[in-house]
C-alpha atoms as a PDB file:
ATOM      1  CA  MET A   1     -89.822  43.263 116.971  1.00  0.00           C
ATOM      2  CA  THR A   2     -91.338  46.379 115.502  1.00  0.00           C
ATOM      3  CA  LEU A   3     -90.141  49.822 116.512  1.00  0.00           C
ATOM      4  CA  MET A   4     -93.469  50.546 118.214  1.00  0.00           C
ATOM      5  CA  LYS A   5     -93.286  47.343 120.288  1.00  0.00           C
ATOM      6  CA  GLY A   6     -89.713  48.215 121.235  1.00  0.00           C
ATOM      7  CA  ILE A   7     -90.745  51.687 122.358  1.00  0.00           C
ATOM      8  CA  MET A   8     -93.666  50.312 124.398  1.00  0.00           C
ATOM      9  CA  LEU A   9     -91.356  47.760 126.041  1.00  0.00           C
ATOM     10  CA  ALA A  10     -88.759  50.448 126.827  1.00  0.00           C
ATOM     11  CA  VAL A  11     -91.446  52.663 128.398  1.00  0.00           C
ATOM     12  CA  LEU A  12     -92.751  49.718 130.452  1.00  0.00           C
ATOM     13  CA  LEU A  13     -89.294  48.800 131.764  1.00  0.00           C
ATOM     14  CA  SER A  14     -88.358  52.436 132.483  1.00  0.00           C
ATOM     15  CA  ALA A  15     -91.601  53.108 134.346  1.00  0.00           C
ATOM     16  CA  ALA A  16     -91.170  49.905 136.367  1.00  0.00           C
ATOM     17  CA  ILE A  17     -87.649  50.907 137.405  1.00  0.00           C
ATOM     18  CA  TRP A  18     -88.916  54.331 138.439  1.00  0.00           C
ATOM     19  CA  CYS A  19     -91.716  52.803 140.563  1.00  0.00           C
ATOM     20  CA  ASP A  20     -89.320  50.290 142.117  1.00  0.00           C
ATOM     21  CA  LEU A  21     -86.719  52.924 142.987  1.00  0.00           C
ATOM     22  CA  ARG A  22     -89.423  55.125 144.468  1.00  0.00           C
ATOM     23  CA  ASP A  23     -90.945  52.577 146.869  1.00  0.00           C
ATOM     24  CA  TYR A  24     -89.808  48.982 146.176  1.00  0.00           C
ATOM     25  CA  HIS A  25     -93.101  48.297 144.437  1.00  0.00           C
ATOM     26  CA  VAL A  26     -94.161  47.787 140.817  1.00  0.00           C
ATOM     27  CA  THR A  27     -97.836  48.588 140.392  1.00  0.00           C
ATOM     28  CA  ASN A  28    -100.425  46.229 138.942  1.00  0.00           C
ATOM     29  CA  ILE A  29    -101.669  48.960 136.613  1.00  0.00           C
ATOM     30  CA  LEU A  30     -98.223  49.115 135.052  1.00  0.00           C
ATOM     31  CA  THR A  31     -97.567  45.374 134.769  1.00  0.00           C
ATOM     32  CA  LEU A  32    -101.074  44.324 133.747  1.00  0.00           C
ATOM     33  CA  GLY A  33    -101.392  47.285 131.383  1.00  0.00           C
ATOM     34  CA  GLY A  34     -98.006  46.375 129.923  1.00  0.00           C
ATOM     35  CA  ALA A  35     -99.099  42.765 129.479  1.00  0.00           C
ATOM     36  CA  ALA A  36    -102.296  43.888 127.752  1.00  0.00           C
ATOM     37  CA  ALA A  37    -100.299  46.166 125.433  1.00  0.00           C
ATOM     38  CA  GLY A  38     -97.895  43.324 124.653  1.00  0.00           C
ATOM     39  CA  ILE A  39    -100.685  40.869 123.919  1.00  0.00           C
ATOM     40  CA  LEU A  40    -102.563  43.350 121.724  1.00  0.00           C
ATOM     41  CA  SER A  41     -99.395  44.299 119.838  1.00  0.00           C
ATOM     42  CA  GLY A  42     -98.619  40.604 119.352  1.00  0.00           C
ATOM     43  CA  LEU A  43    -102.085  40.105 117.898  1.00  0.00           C
ATOM     44  CA  ALA A  44    -101.794  43.204 115.721  1.00  0.00           C
ATOM     45  CA  THR A  45     -98.368  42.323 114.298  1.00  0.00           C
ATOM     46  CA  GLY A  46     -98.544  38.529 114.218  1.00  0.00           C
ATOM     47  CA  GLY A  47    -102.205  37.594 114.087  1.00  0.00           C
ATOM     48  CA  ARG A  48    -103.220  34.424 115.849  1.00  0.00           C
ATOM     49  CA  GLN A  49     -99.628  33.159 116.142  1.00  0.00           C
ATOM     50  CA  GLY A  50     -98.560  36.525 117.593  1.00  0.00           C
ATOM     51  CA  LEU A  51    -101.319  36.272 120.179  1.00  0.00           C
ATOM     52  CA  VAL A  52    -100.259  32.744 121.169  1.00  0.00           C
ATOM     53  CA  ASN A  53     -96.597  33.792 121.305  1.00  0.00           C
ATOM     54  CA  SER A  54     -97.439  36.763 123.541  1.00  0.00           C
ATOM     55  CA  MET A  55     -99.546  34.652 125.874  1.00  0.00           C
ATOM     56  CA  LEU A  56     -96.825  32.003 126.134  1.00  0.00           C
ATOM     57  CA  GLY A  57     -94.347  34.811 126.824  1.00  0.00           C
ATOM     58  CA  TRP A  58     -96.521  35.800 129.777  1.00  0.00           C
ATOM     59  CA  LEU A  59     -96.869  32.231 131.029  1.00  0.00           C
ATOM     60  CA  VAL A  60     -93.167  31.281 131.052  1.00  0.00           C
ATOM     61  CA  PRO A  61     -91.995  33.589 133.865  1.00  0.00           C
ATOM     62  CA  VAL A  62     -95.175  33.057 135.873  1.00  0.00           C
ATOM     63  CA  GLY A  63     -94.736  29.284 135.646  1.00  0.00           C
ATOM     64  CA  LEU A  64     -91.018  29.372 136.390  1.00  0.00           C
ATOM     65  CA  LEU A  65     -91.053  31.859 139.245  1.00  0.00           C
ATOM     66  CA  PHE A  66     -94.309  31.298 141.105  1.00  0.00           C
ATOM     67  CA  ILE A  67     -92.640  28.911 143.568  1.00  0.00           C
ATOM     68  CA  LEU A  68     -90.024  31.552 144.407  1.00  0.00           C
ATOM     69  CA  HIS A  69     -92.833  33.950 145.232  1.00  0.00           C
ATOM     70  CA  VAL A  70     -94.404  31.344 147.528  1.00  0.00           C
ATOM     71  CA  PHE A  71     -91.083  31.312 149.427  1.00  0.00           C
ATOM     72  CA  SER A  72     -91.027  35.165 149.470  1.00  0.00           C
ATOM     73  CA  MET A  73     -87.825  35.139 147.418  1.00  0.00           C
ATOM     74  CA  ILE A  74     -89.155  37.353 144.638  1.00  0.00           C
ATOM     75  CA  GLY A  75     -91.900  39.926 144.564  1.00  0.00           C
ATOM     76  CA  ALA A  76     -95.069  39.423 142.580  1.00  0.00           C
ATOM     77  CA  GLY A  77     -94.433  42.722 140.793  1.00  0.00           C
ATOM     78  CA  ASP A  78     -91.108  41.437 139.472  1.00  0.00           C
ATOM     79  CA  ILE A  79     -92.771  38.282 138.151  1.00  0.00           C
ATOM     80  CA  LYS A  80     -95.555  40.313 136.552  1.00  0.00           C
ATOM     81  CA  LEU A  81     -92.972  42.649 134.979  1.00  0.00           C
ATOM     82  CA  LEU A  82     -91.122  39.687 133.466  1.00  0.00           C
ATOM     83  CA  ALA A  83     -94.469  38.311 132.281  1.00  0.00           C
ATOM     84  CA  ALA A  84     -95.411  41.648 130.700  1.00  0.00           C
ATOM     85  CA  ALA A  85     -92.023  41.830 128.964  1.00  0.00           C
ATOM     86  CA  GLY A  86     -92.613  38.254 127.806  1.00  0.00           C
ATOM     87  CA  CYS A  87     -95.770  39.408 126.061  1.00  0.00           C
ATOM     88  CA  PHE A  88     -93.565  41.610 123.886  1.00  0.00           C
ATOM     89  CA  ILE A  89     -90.583  39.303 123.297  1.00  0.00           C
ATOM     90  CA  GLY A  90     -92.073  35.803 123.426  1.00  0.00           C
ATOM     91  CA  PRO A  91     -91.423  32.670 125.454  1.00  0.00           C
ATOM     92  CA  GLN A  92     -87.893  31.781 124.295  1.00  0.00           C
ATOM     93  CA  ASP A  93     -86.488  35.256 124.770  1.00  0.00           C
ATOM     94  CA  ILE A  94     -88.189  35.831 128.114  1.00  0.00           C
ATOM     95  CA  ALA A  95     -86.853  32.491 129.378  1.00  0.00           C
ATOM     96  CA  MET A  96     -83.325  33.645 128.488  1.00  0.00           C
ATOM     97  CA  ALA A  97     -83.956  37.107 129.940  1.00  0.00           C
ATOM     98  CA  THR A  98     -85.309  35.591 133.167  1.00  0.00           C
ATOM     99  CA  ALA A  99     -82.181  33.468 133.615  1.00  0.00           C
ATOM    100  CA  ALA A 100     -79.935  36.416 132.750  1.00  0.00           C
ATOM    101  CA  SER A 101     -81.771  38.696 135.181  1.00  0.00           C
ATOM    102  CA  PHE A 102     -81.008  36.282 138.018  1.00  0.00           C
ATOM    103  CA  VAL A 103     -77.303  36.184 137.124  1.00  0.00           C
ATOM    104  CA  ILE A 104     -77.167  39.987 136.877  1.00  0.00           C
ATOM    105  CA  GLY A 105     -79.215  40.359 140.058  1.00  0.00           C
ATOM    106  CA  ALA A 106     -76.955  37.942 141.958  1.00  0.00           C
ATOM    107  CA  ALA A 107     -73.894  39.949 140.927  1.00  0.00           C
ATOM    108  CA  ILE A 108     -75.517  43.233 141.990  1.00  0.00           C
ATOM    109  CA  ALA A 109     -76.686  41.714 145.289  1.00  0.00           C
ATOM    110  CA  ALA A 110     -73.256  40.239 146.046  1.00  0.00           C
ATOM    111  CA  VAL A 111     -71.551  43.592 145.473  1.00  0.00           C
ATOM    112  CA  ARG A 112     -74.169  45.379 147.555  1.00  0.00           C
ATOM    113  CA  MET A 113     -73.878  42.921 150.457  1.00  0.00           C
ATOM    114  CA  LEU A 114     -70.070  43.064 150.363  1.00  0.00           C
ATOM    115  CA  ARG A 115     -70.177  46.874 150.462  1.00  0.00           C
ATOM    116  CA  LYS A 116     -72.635  46.789 153.389  1.00  0.00           C
ATOM    117  CA  GLY A 117     -70.567  44.161 155.232  1.00  0.00           C
ATOM    118  CA  ILE A 118     -73.412  41.638 155.421  1.00  0.00           C
ATOM    119  CA  PHE A 119     -72.417  39.085 152.776  1.00  0.00           C
ATOM    120  CA  VAL A 120     -71.291  36.363 155.221  1.00  0.00           C
ATOM    121  CA  ARG A 121     -74.323  36.898 157.465  1.00  0.00           C
ATOM    122  CA  ARG A 122     -76.742  36.630 154.493  1.00  0.00           C
ATOM    123  CA  PHE A 123     -74.961  33.549 153.146  1.00  0.00           C
ATOM    124  CA  ARG A 124     -75.211  31.867 156.549  1.00  0.00           C
ATOM    125  CA  TYR A 125     -78.906  32.741 156.667  1.00  0.00           C
ATOM    126  CA  LEU A 126     -79.404  31.139 153.231  1.00  0.00           C
ATOM    127  CA  ILE A 127     -77.620  27.943 154.294  1.00  0.00           C
ATOM    128  CA  GLY A 128     -79.638  27.801 157.524  1.00  0.00           C
ATOM    129  CA  TYR A 129     -82.866  28.411 155.635  1.00  0.00           C
ATOM    130  CA  CYS A 130     -82.147  25.577 153.174  1.00  0.00           C
ATOM    131  CA  ALA A 131     -81.168  23.240 156.013  1.00  0.00           C
ATOM    132  CA  GLY A 132     -84.435  24.072 157.792  1.00  0.00           C
ATOM    133  CA  LEU A 133     -86.439  23.247 154.667  1.00  0.00           C
ATOM    134  CA  VAL A 134     -84.795  19.843 154.469  1.00  0.00           C
ATOM    135  CA  ARG A 135     -84.922  19.131 158.190  1.00  0.00           C
ATOM    136  CA  TYR A 136     -88.488  20.210 158.923  1.00  0.00           C
ATOM    137  CA  ARG A 137     -89.995  19.664 155.451  1.00  0.00           C
ATOM    138  CA  THR A 138     -92.006  22.840 155.920  1.00  0.00           C
ATOM    139  CA  ILE A 139     -92.258  25.786 153.547  1.00  0.00           C
ATOM    140  CA  THR A 140     -91.587  29.043 155.355  1.00  0.00           C
ATOM    141  CA  PRO A 141     -91.104  32.513 153.876  1.00  0.00           C
ATOM    142  CA  TYR A 142     -87.513  33.473 153.125  1.00  0.00           C
ATOM    143  CA  GLU A 143     -87.141  36.823 154.814  1.00  0.00           C
ATOM    144  CA  GLY A 144     -84.408  37.306 157.353  1.00  0.00           C
ATOM    145  CA  LYS A 145     -84.723  41.094 157.563  1.00  0.00           C
ATOM    146  CA  GLU A 146     -84.378  41.137 161.347  1.00  0.00           C
ATOM    147  CA  HIS A 147     -80.607  41.591 161.267  1.00  0.00           C
ATOM    148  CA  THR A 148     -80.067  43.518 158.036  1.00  0.00           C
ATOM    149  CA  GLY A 149     -83.253  45.500 157.403  1.00  0.00           C
ATOM    150  CA  ASN A 150     -83.519  46.120 153.656  1.00  0.00           C
ATOM    151  CA  ALA A 151     -79.740  46.248 153.130  1.00  0.00           C
ATOM    152  CA  HIS A 152     -79.829  42.897 151.340  1.00  0.00           C
ATOM    153  CA  LEU A 153     -82.631  43.869 148.937  1.00  0.00           C
ATOM    154  CA  ILE A 154     -82.035  45.034 145.385  1.00  0.00           C
ATOM    155  CA  HIS A 155     -84.322  46.728 142.922  1.00  0.00           C
ATOM    156  CA  PHE A 156     -84.812  43.658 140.723  1.00  0.00           C
ATOM    157  CA  THR A 157     -86.415  45.698 137.956  1.00  0.00           C
ATOM    158  CA  ILE A 158     -82.923  46.905 137.024  1.00  0.00           C
ATOM    159  CA  PRO A 159     -81.485  43.424 136.314  1.00  0.00           C
ATOM    160  CA  ILE A 160     -84.720  42.570 134.498  1.00  0.00           C
ATOM    161  CA  ALA A 161     -84.385  45.584 132.198  1.00  0.00           C
ATOM    162  CA  ILE A 162     -80.676  44.949 131.587  1.00  0.00           C
ATOM    163  CA  ALA A 163     -81.353  41.294 130.789  1.00  0.00           C
ATOM    164  CA  VAL A 164     -84.195  42.086 128.372  1.00  0.00           C
ATOM    165  CA  VAL A 165     -82.017  44.624 126.549  1.00  0.00           C
ATOM    166  CA  ILE A 166     -79.107  42.149 126.330  1.00  0.00           C
ATOM    167  CA  VAL A 167     -81.314  39.318 125.033  1.00  0.00           C
ATOM    168  CA  MET A 168     -82.995  41.545 122.469  1.00  0.00           C
ATOM    169  CA  THR A 169     -79.651  43.004 121.349  1.00  0.00           C
ATOM    170  CA  VAL A 170     -78.125  39.545 120.935  1.00  0.00           C
ATOM    171  CA  ARG A 171     -81.269  38.359 119.127  1.00  0.00           C
ATOM    172  CA  HIS A 172     -81.062  41.199 116.579  1.00  0.00           C
ATOM    173  CA  VAL A 173     -77.282  41.109 116.143  1.00  0.00           C
ATOM    174  CA  THR A 174     -77.100  37.386 115.390  1.00  0.00           C
END
């Protein structure tokens, strides 16, 4: 990754965190603009293969996570942020970063729910939700805010940024 691509990616991730912390929303202008910048930088630095790599980097998180969005388990902005980051780092690295972001996010969410005293309640809700999917064979949104408000939500842009930095650091160290 070139220095310029790294700077653009860092700006994208930082701006996304700022938007998310401000109002739990990552704007389309930011994610789609970031994706466009990633695709154009891939083309500029890698030619046709760079363009393909950037586009595949966008497609991997969208393909992997779309079903979670259907179930209201992840926001579209988070998927589009991962896709935009994928335009910069390519399909293999964004696949690893996506998996790592879920592990990091789960750890952050568990700590947050334990601190708020809602871990057991949220876990029971998850088990009940999964049982309902099996029993009724109907897709329903995963929400469950009625008893905990937003206390169970995390700013997922933070685990995404941490995961991207870890993957890119490991990639360049090895």
